[in-house]
Structures are given as structure tokens and as C-alpha cells.
Amino acid sequence: MIALLFALLTATMGLNYFNRTTAANVLFFFTLALSVYWLKFHATSHLTIQL
């Protein structure tokens, strides 16, 4: 998942480089939403530690 987020942010930078700002903004906010979902998933998941 982290590799996907980095790939999406790299694509965003590439779109900005080629002056496709609208598509870059859409992709950035999509990536931001995925990042928040991923953070919430990890913050609320139960740890399975057996002692």
C-alpha cells in the first residue's frame, strides 16, 4: 500500500511537471484520501500479540 501511495504521488509530480495541474490535483486529493484511510486502518486495528 505504501508503494502504491508513493507511485501515485510520483505520478502527481509528473503530471505537474507536464502542466496537467487539474489532473494532478485530482490525483493528489485521491492519494490524500487513500493515505487517511490507510492511517485510520492502522490506528484502529487490533494488535494480535500473544504473550
Protein backbone atom coordinates (compact mmCIF):
# COMPACT_ATOMS: atom_id res chain seq x y z
CA MET A 1 0.00 0.00 0.00
CA ILE A 2 2.82 2.38 0.83
CA ALA A 3 4.44 1.66 -2.54
CA LEU A 4 1.13 2.46 -4.23
CA LEU A 5 0.90 5.78 -2.38
CA PHE A 6 4.45 6.70 -3.40
CA ALA A 7 3.71 5.73 -7.01
CA LEU A 8 0.58 7.89 -7.03
CA LEU A 9 2.47 10.85 -5.58
CA THR A 10 5.21 10.36 -8.17
CA ALA A 11 2.56 10.38 -10.89
CA THR A 12 1.18 13.59 -9.38
CA MET A 13 4.60 15.21 -9.59
CA GLY A 14 4.94 14.04 -13.19
CA LEU A 15 1.57 15.50 -14.12
CA ASN A 16 2.55 18.81 -12.54
CA TYR A 17 5.82 18.76 -14.47
CA PHE A 18 3.90 18.44 -17.74
CA ASN A 19 1.47 21.24 -16.74
CA ARG A 20 -1.53 18.95 -16.22
CA THR A 21 -2.49 20.71 -12.99
CA THR A 22 -6.16 19.72 -12.92
CA ALA A 23 -5.39 16.02 -13.27
CA ALA A 24 -2.55 16.38 -10.76
CA ASN A 25 -4.85 17.99 -8.21
CA VAL A 26 -7.47 15.26 -8.63
CA LEU A 27 -4.83 12.55 -8.25
CA PHE A 28 -3.30 14.31 -5.24
CA PHE A 29 -6.60 14.51 -3.38
CA PHE A 30 -7.37 10.88 -4.25
CA THR A 31 -3.95 9.90 -2.86
CA LEU A 32 -4.57 12.02 0.22
CA ALA A 33 -7.89 10.24 0.82
CA LEU A 34 -6.17 6.85 0.48
CA SER A 35 -3.49 7.97 2.93
CA VAL A 36 -6.07 8.99 5.52
CA TYR A 37 -7.88 5.67 5.07
CA TRP A 38 -4.61 3.75 5.47
CA LEU A 39 -3.69 5.74 8.60
CA LYS A 40 -7.15 5.14 10.12
CA PHE A 41 -6.90 1.43 9.31
CA HIS A 42 -3.59 1.11 11.12
CA ALA A 43 -4.57 3.32 14.03
CA THR A 44 -7.75 1.36 14.78
CA SER A 45 -6.68 -2.21 14.01
CA HIS A 46 -6.27 -4.60 16.90
CA LEU A 47 -2.83 -5.91 17.66
CA THR A 48 -2.52 -9.66 17.87
CA ILE A 49 0.31 -10.02 20.33
CA GLN A 50 0.40 -13.33 22.16
CA LEU A 51 2.42 -13.34 25.33
